[in-house]
Amino acid sequence: MRRRTRSLLGTIAMIAFVIVYAPLAMALADSRIAETPAVIQSVLYAILGIAWIIPLMPLIRWMERPDSDPA
């Protein structure tokens, strides 16, 4: 598969993931985190803000692979 095709498919997958992840993170923040002290809230909001990167890293690596030579 060419890099350009992988980038297109990966971008669609990332958008779909964020569409699912963002409301879940907001619901968690609204229901559980709002009741905690301010210092803990700050830490948890930072974790939620960065947590989406971890599951997407393999996808990003796959998207960025160079094209293989058809030899």
PDB file of N, CA and C in Angstrom:
ATOM      1  N   MET A   1       0.850  -1.172   0.000  1.00  0.00           N
ATOM      2  CA  MET A   1       0.000   0.000   0.000  1.00  0.00           C
ATOM      3  C   MET A   1       0.897   1.237   0.000  1.00  0.00           C
ATOM      4  N   ARG A   2       0.518   2.190  -0.801  1.00  0.00           N
ATOM      5  CA  ARG A   2       1.306   3.413  -0.885  1.00  0.00           C
ATOM      6  C   ARG A   2       1.104   4.280   0.352  1.00  0.00           C
ATOM      7  N   ARG A   3       2.106   5.089   0.616  1.00  0.00           N
ATOM      8  CA  ARG A   3       2.069   5.968   1.791  1.00  0.00           C
ATOM      9  C   ARG A   3       0.890   6.936   1.718  1.00  0.00           C
ATOM     10  N   ARG A   4       0.590   7.403   0.547  1.00  0.00           N
ATOM     11  CA  ARG A   4      -0.514   8.348   0.405  1.00  0.00           C
ATOM     12  C   ARG A   4      -1.846   7.697   0.781  1.00  0.00           C
ATOM     13  N   THR A   5      -2.040   6.448   0.391  1.00  0.00           N
ATOM     14  CA  THR A   5      -3.264   5.727   0.743  1.00  0.00           C
ATOM     15  C   THR A   5      -3.315   5.455   2.237  1.00  0.00           C
ATOM     16  N   ARG A   6      -2.162   5.046   2.811  1.00  0.00           N
ATOM     17  CA  ARG A   6      -2.111   4.829   4.260  1.00  0.00           C
ATOM     18  C   ARG A   6      -2.428   6.106   5.023  1.00  0.00           C
ATOM     19  N   SER A   7      -1.933   7.225   4.537  1.00  0.00           N
ATOM     20  CA  SER A   7      -2.211   8.503   5.202  1.00  0.00           C
ATOM     21  C   SER A   7      -3.693   8.837   5.162  1.00  0.00           C
ATOM     22  N   LEU A   8      -4.334   8.585   4.051  1.00  0.00           N
ATOM     23  CA  LEU A   8      -5.777   8.848   3.941  1.00  0.00           C
ATOM     24  C   LEU A   8      -6.555   7.964   4.902  1.00  0.00           C
ATOM     25  N   LEU A   9      -6.274   6.669   4.884  1.00  0.00           N
ATOM     26  CA  LEU A   9      -6.986   5.744   5.765  1.00  0.00           C
ATOM     27  C   LEU A   9      -6.697   6.050   7.236  1.00  0.00           C
ATOM     28  N   GLY A  10      -5.449   6.361   7.541  1.00  0.00           N
ATOM     29  CA  GLY A  10      -5.085   6.693   8.914  1.00  0.00           C
ATOM     30  C   GLY A  10      -5.754   7.959   9.405  1.00  0.00           C
ATOM     31  N   THR A  11      -5.851   8.943   8.535  1.00  0.00           N
ATOM     32  CA  THR A  11      -6.517  10.196   8.908  1.00  0.00           C
ATOM     33  C   THR A  11      -7.990   9.963   9.204  1.00  0.00           C
ATOM     34  N   ILE A  12      -8.640   9.156   8.375  1.00  0.00           N
ATOM     35  CA  ILE A  12     -10.055   8.826   8.614  1.00  0.00           C
ATOM     36  C   ILE A  12     -10.211   8.083   9.939  1.00  0.00           C
ATOM     37  N   ALA A  13      -9.296   7.140  10.212  1.00  0.00           N
ATOM     38  CA  ALA A  13      -9.356   6.393  11.477  1.00  0.00           C
ATOM     39  C   ALA A  13      -9.120   7.307  12.679  1.00  0.00           C
ATOM     40  N   MET A  14      -8.177   8.246  12.554  1.00  0.00           N
ATOM     41  CA  MET A  14      -7.917   9.175  13.664  1.00  0.00           C
ATOM     42  C   MET A  14      -9.121  10.062  13.937  1.00  0.00           C
ATOM     43  N   ILE A  15      -9.742  10.564  12.896  1.00  0.00           N
ATOM     44  CA  ILE A  15     -10.932  11.409  13.076  1.00  0.00           C
ATOM     45  C   ILE A  15     -12.037  10.609  13.752  1.00  0.00           C
ATOM     46  N   ALA A  16     -12.243   9.368  13.321  1.00  0.00           N
ATOM     47  CA  ALA A  16     -13.267   8.524  13.936  1.00  0.00           C
ATOM     48  C   ALA A  16     -12.950   8.278  15.412  1.00  0.00           C
ATOM     49  N   PHE A  17     -11.678   8.029  15.722  1.00  0.00           N
ATOM     50  CA  PHE A  17     -11.285   7.800  17.107  1.00  0.00           C
ATOM     51  C   PHE A  17     -11.554   9.038  17.962  1.00  0.00           C
ATOM     52  N   VAL A  18     -11.176  10.196  17.470  1.00  0.00           N
ATOM     53  CA  VAL A  18     -11.369  11.430  18.238  1.00  0.00           C
ATOM     54  C   VAL A  18     -12.857  11.728  18.416  1.00  0.00           C
ATOM     55  N   ILE A  19     -13.666  11.413  17.415  1.00  0.00           N
ATOM     56  CA  ILE A  19     -15.115  11.625  17.528  1.00  0.00           C
ATOM     57  C   ILE A  19     -15.691  10.764  18.652  1.00  0.00           C
ATOM     58  N   VAL A  20     -15.131   9.589  18.864  1.00  0.00           N
ATOM     59  CA  VAL A  20     -15.584   8.721  19.954  1.00  0.00           C
ATOM     60  C   VAL A  20     -14.927   9.112  21.277  1.00  0.00           C
ATOM     61  N   TYR A  21     -13.619   9.380  21.253  1.00  0.00           N
ATOM     62  CA  TYR A  21     -12.866   9.650  22.480  1.00  0.00           C
ATOM     63  C   TYR A  21     -13.283  10.963  23.156  1.00  0.00           C
ATOM     64  N   ALA A  22     -13.461  12.001  22.382  1.00  0.00           N
ATOM     65  CA  ALA A  22     -13.742  13.317  22.964  1.00  0.00           C
ATOM     66  C   ALA A  22     -15.010  13.325  23.827  1.00  0.00           C
ATOM     67  N   PRO A  23     -16.144  12.813  23.341  1.00  0.00           N
ATOM     68  CA  PRO A  23     -17.328  12.805  24.221  1.00  0.00           C
ATOM     69  C   PRO A  23     -17.153  11.915  25.457  1.00  0.00           C
ATOM     70  N   LEU A  24     -16.433  10.802  25.308  1.00  0.00           N
ATOM     71  CA  LEU A  24     -16.193   9.957  26.478  1.00  0.00           C
ATOM     72  C   LEU A  24     -15.340  10.675  27.512  1.00  0.00           C
ATOM     73  N   ALA A  25     -14.299  11.354  27.060  1.00  0.00           N
ATOM     74  CA  ALA A  25     -13.444  12.099  27.986  1.00  0.00           C
ATOM     75  C   ALA A  25     -14.225  13.237  28.645  1.00  0.00           C
ATOM     76  N   MET A  26     -15.061  13.909  27.869  1.00  0.00           N
ATOM     77  CA  MET A  26     -15.859  14.996  28.447  1.00  0.00           C
ATOM     78  C   MET A  26     -16.871  14.470  29.460  1.00  0.00           C
ATOM     79  N   ALA A  27     -17.476  13.324  29.175  1.00  0.00           N
ATOM     80  CA  ALA A  27     -18.434  12.740  30.114  1.00  0.00           C
ATOM     81  C   ALA A  27     -17.734  12.320  31.406  1.00  0.00           C
ATOM     82  N   LEU A  28     -16.557  11.725  31.270  1.00  0.00           N
ATOM     83  CA  LEU A  28     -15.793  11.343  32.454  1.00  0.00           C
ATOM     84  C   LEU A  28     -15.406  12.574  33.266  1.00  0.00           C
ATOM     85  N   ALA A  29     -14.952  13.596  32.597  1.00  0.00           N
ATOM     86  CA  ALA A  29     -14.552  14.824  33.289  1.00  0.00           C
ATOM     87  C   ALA A  29     -15.738  15.471  33.989  1.00  0.00           C
ATOM     88  N   ASP A  30     -16.881  15.442  33.349  1.00  0.00           N
ATOM     89  CA  ASP A  30     -18.063  16.082  33.929  1.00  0.00           C
ATOM     90  C   ASP A  30     -18.604  15.301  35.124  1.00  0.00           C
ATOM     91  N   SER A  31     -18.553  13.985  35.047  1.00  0.00           N
ATOM     92  CA  SER A  31     -19.178  13.202  36.106  1.00  0.00           C
ATOM     93  C   SER A  31     -18.259  12.914  37.282  1.00  0.00           C
ATOM     94  N   ARG A  32     -17.006  12.587  37.037  1.00  0.00           N
ATOM     95  CA  ARG A  32     -16.122  12.148  38.111  1.00  0.00           C
ATOM     96  C   ARG A  32     -15.099  13.197  38.533  1.00  0.00           C
ATOM     97  N   ILE A  33     -14.486  13.833  37.572  1.00  0.00           N
ATOM     98  CA  ILE A  33     -13.382  14.741  37.874  1.00  0.00           C
ATOM     99  C   ILE A  33     -13.860  16.031  38.529  1.00  0.00           C
ATOM    100  N   ALA A  34     -15.047  16.468  38.200  1.00  0.00           N
ATOM    101  CA  ALA A  34     -15.550  17.737  38.738  1.00  0.00           C
ATOM    102  C   ALA A  34     -15.688  17.712  40.256  1.00  0.00           C
ATOM    103  N   GLU A  35     -15.755  16.515  40.842  1.00  0.00           N
ATOM    104  CA  GLU A  35     -15.938  16.391  42.286  1.00  0.00           C
ATOM    105  C   GLU A  35     -14.619  16.335  43.060  1.00  0.00           C
ATOM    106  N   THR A  36     -13.499  16.339  42.364  1.00  0.00           N
ATOM    107  CA  THR A  36     -12.197  16.200  43.025  1.00  0.00           C
ATOM    108  C   THR A  36     -11.587  17.579  43.304  1.00  0.00           C
ATOM    109  N   PRO A  37     -10.560  17.631  44.152  1.00  0.00           N
ATOM    110  CA  PRO A  37      -9.874  18.913  44.417  1.00  0.00           C
ATOM    111  C   PRO A  37      -9.207  19.461  43.148  1.00  0.00           C
ATOM    112  N   ALA A  38      -8.954  20.753  43.158  1.00  0.00           N
ATOM    113  CA  ALA A  38      -8.451  21.447  41.966  1.00  0.00           C
ATOM    114  C   ALA A  38      -7.105  20.905  41.474  1.00  0.00           C
ATOM    115  N   VAL A  39      -6.211  20.543  42.363  1.00  0.00           N
ATOM    116  CA  VAL A  39      -4.902  20.024  41.943  1.00  0.00           C
ATOM    117  C   VAL A  39      -5.062  18.698  41.211  1.00  0.00           C
ATOM    118  N   ILE A  40      -5.894  17.842  41.748  1.00  0.00           N
ATOM    119  CA  ILE A  40      -6.138  16.551  41.101  1.00  0.00           C
ATOM    120  C   ILE A  40      -6.858  16.757  39.772  1.00  0.00           C
ATOM    121  N   GLN A  41      -7.779  17.700  39.722  1.00  0.00           N
ATOM    122  CA  GLN A  41      -8.459  18.015  38.462  1.00  0.00           C
ATOM    123  C   GLN A  41      -7.454  18.396  37.382  1.00  0.00           C
ATOM    124  N   SER A  42      -6.510  19.235  37.729  1.00  0.00           N
ATOM    125  CA  SER A  42      -5.508  19.675  36.752  1.00  0.00           C
ATOM    126  C   SER A  42      -4.723  18.496  36.191  1.00  0.00           C
ATOM    127  N   VAL A  43      -4.306  17.607  37.071  1.00  0.00           N
ATOM    128  CA  VAL A  43      -3.546  16.434  36.641  1.00  0.00           C
ATOM    129  C   VAL A  43      -4.403  15.537  35.760  1.00  0.00           C
ATOM    130  N   LEU A  44      -5.630  15.290  36.169  1.00  0.00           N
ATOM    131  CA  LEU A  44      -6.509  14.408  35.399  1.00  0.00           C
ATOM    132  C   LEU A  44      -6.872  15.015  34.043  1.00  0.00           C
ATOM    133  N   TYR A  45      -7.104  16.314  33.985  1.00  0.00           N
ATOM    134  CA  TYR A  45      -7.383  16.956  32.694  1.00  0.00           C
ATOM    135  C   TYR A  45      -6.168  16.854  31.760  1.00  0.00           C
ATOM    136  N   ALA A  46      -4.979  16.992  32.310  1.00  0.00           N
ATOM    137  CA  ALA A  46      -3.772  16.843  31.490  1.00  0.00           C
ATOM    138  C   ALA A  46      -3.654  15.415  30.971  1.00  0.00           C
ATOM    139  N   ILE A  47      -3.937  14.444  31.818  1.00  0.00           N
ATOM    140  CA  ILE A  47      -3.882  13.040  31.388  1.00  0.00           C
ATOM    141  C   ILE A  47      -4.909  12.777  30.296  1.00  0.00           C
ATOM    142  N   LEU A  48      -6.132  13.241  30.488  1.00  0.00           N
ATOM    143  CA  LEU A  48      -7.165  13.054  29.461  1.00  0.00           C
ATOM    144  C   LEU A  48      -6.802  13.760  28.159  1.00  0.00           C
ATOM    145  N   GLY A  49      -6.138  14.879  28.266  1.00  0.00           N
ATOM    146  CA  GLY A  49      -5.752  15.619  27.071  1.00  0.00           C
ATOM    147  C   GLY A  49      -4.653  14.950  26.278  1.00  0.00           C
ATOM    148  N   ILE A  50      -3.833  14.148  26.943  1.00  0.00           N
ATOM    149  CA  ILE A  50      -2.717  13.480  26.268  1.00  0.00           C
ATOM    150  C   ILE A  50      -3.028  12.014  25.980  1.00  0.00           C
ATOM    151  N   ALA A  51      -3.989  11.430  26.649  1.00  0.00           N
ATOM    152  CA  ALA A  51      -4.251   9.991  26.566  1.00  0.00           C
ATOM    153  C   ALA A  51      -4.623   9.517  25.166  1.00  0.00           C
ATOM    154  N   TRP A  52      -5.164  10.344  24.351  1.00  0.00           N
ATOM    155  CA  TRP A  52      -5.558   9.911  23.004  1.00  0.00           C
ATOM    156  C   TRP A  52      -4.360   9.581  22.132  1.00  0.00           C
ATOM    157  N   ILE A  53      -3.188  10.102  22.488  1.00  0.00           N
ATOM    158  CA  ILE A  53      -1.997   9.870  21.674  1.00  0.00           C
ATOM    159  C   ILE A  53      -1.534   8.413  21.775  1.00  0.00           C
ATOM    160  N   ILE A  54      -1.639   7.810  22.947  1.00  0.00           N
ATOM    161  CA  ILE A  54      -1.106   6.468  23.169  1.00  0.00           C
ATOM    162  C   ILE A  54      -1.732   5.430  22.232  1.00  0.00           C
ATOM    163  N   PRO A  55      -3.043   5.342  22.115  1.00  0.00           N
ATOM    164  CA  PRO A  55      -3.595   4.335  21.195  1.00  0.00           C
ATOM    165  C   PRO A  55      -3.383   4.678  19.712  1.00  0.00           C
ATOM    166  N   LEU A  56      -3.127   5.939  19.405  1.00  0.00           N
ATOM    167  CA  LEU A  56      -2.954   6.320  18.008  1.00  0.00           C
ATOM    168  C   LEU A  56      -1.510   6.237  17.519  1.00  0.00           C
ATOM    169  N   MET A  57      -0.545   6.062  18.401  1.00  0.00           N
ATOM    170  CA  MET A  57       0.853   6.009  17.969  1.00  0.00           C
ATOM    171  C   MET A  57       1.149   4.876  16.981  1.00  0.00           C
ATOM    172  N   PRO A  58       0.651   3.651  17.189  1.00  0.00           N
ATOM    173  CA  PRO A  58       0.899   2.621  16.172  1.00  0.00           C
ATOM    174  C   PRO A  58       0.309   2.985  14.808  1.00  0.00           C
ATOM    175  N   LEU A  59      -0.838   3.619  14.820  1.00  0.00           N
ATOM    176  CA  LEU A  59      -1.454   4.047  13.563  1.00  0.00           C
ATOM    177  C   LEU A  59      -0.602   5.107  12.881  1.00  0.00           C
ATOM    178  N   ILE A  60      -0.089   6.053  13.636  1.00  0.00           N
ATOM    179  CA  ILE A  60       0.752   7.103  13.062  1.00  0.00           C
ATOM    180  C   ILE A  60       2.044   6.513  12.507  1.00  0.00           C
ATOM    181  N   ARG A  61       2.640   5.560  13.232  1.00  0.00           N
ATOM    182  CA  ARG A  61       3.849   4.899  12.724  1.00  0.00           C
ATOM    183  C   ARG A  61       3.552   4.159  11.418  1.00  0.00           C
ATOM    184  N   TRP A  62       2.413   3.486  11.357  1.00  0.00           N
ATOM    185  CA  TRP A  62       2.024   2.765  10.149  1.00  0.00           C
ATOM    186  C   TRP A  62       1.830   3.736   8.979  1.00  0.00           C
ATOM    187  N   MET A  63       1.209   4.863   9.253  1.00  0.00           N
ATOM    188  CA  MET A  63       0.976   5.866   8.203  1.00  0.00           C
ATOM    189  C   MET A  63       2.287   6.419   7.650  1.00  0.00           C
ATOM    190  N   GLU A  64       3.280   6.565   8.499  1.00  0.00           N
ATOM    191  CA  GLU A  64       4.527   7.216   8.121  1.00  0.00           C
ATOM    192  C   GLU A  64       5.578   6.259   7.544  1.00  0.00           C
ATOM    193  N   ARG A  65       5.268   4.985   7.486  1.00  0.00           N
ATOM    194  CA  ARG A  65       6.224   4.041   6.900  1.00  0.00           C
ATOM    195  C   ARG A  65       6.503   4.411   5.457  1.00  0.00           C
ATOM    196  N   PRO A  66       7.740   4.225   5.011  1.00  0.00           N
ATOM    197  CA  PRO A  66       8.028   4.497   3.588  1.00  0.00           C
ATOM    198  C   PRO A  66       7.403   3.413   2.717  1.00  0.00           C
ATOM    199  N   ASP A  67       7.166   3.772   1.462  1.00  0.00           N
ATOM    200  CA  ASP A  67       6.637   2.802   0.498  1.00  0.00           C
ATOM    201  C   ASP A  67       7.643   1.684   0.304  1.00  0.00           C
ATOM    202  N   SER A  68       7.133   0.469   0.164  1.00  0.00           N
ATOM    203  CA  SER A  68       8.035  -0.653  -0.104  1.00  0.00           C
ATOM    204  C   SER A  68       8.288  -0.740  -1.607  1.00  0.00           C
ATOM    205  N   ASP A  69       9.475  -1.165  -1.966  1.00  0.00           N
ATOM    206  CA  ASP A  69       9.827  -1.286  -3.379  1.00  0.00           C
ATOM    207  C   ASP A  69       9.145  -2.522  -3.965  1.00  0.00           C
ATOM    208  N   PRO A  70       8.453  -2.351  -5.089  1.00  0.00           N
ATOM    209  CA  PRO A  70       7.781  -3.510  -5.705  1.00  0.00           C
ATOM    210  C   PRO A  70       8.756  -4.336  -6.529  1.00  0.00           C
ATOM    211  N   ALA A  71       9.781  -4.895  -5.901  1.00  0.00           N
ATOM    212  CA  ALA A  71      10.797  -5.647  -6.641  1.00  0.00           C
ATOM    213  C   ALA A  71      10.602  -7.128  -6.548  1.00  0.00           C
TER     214      ALA A  71
END
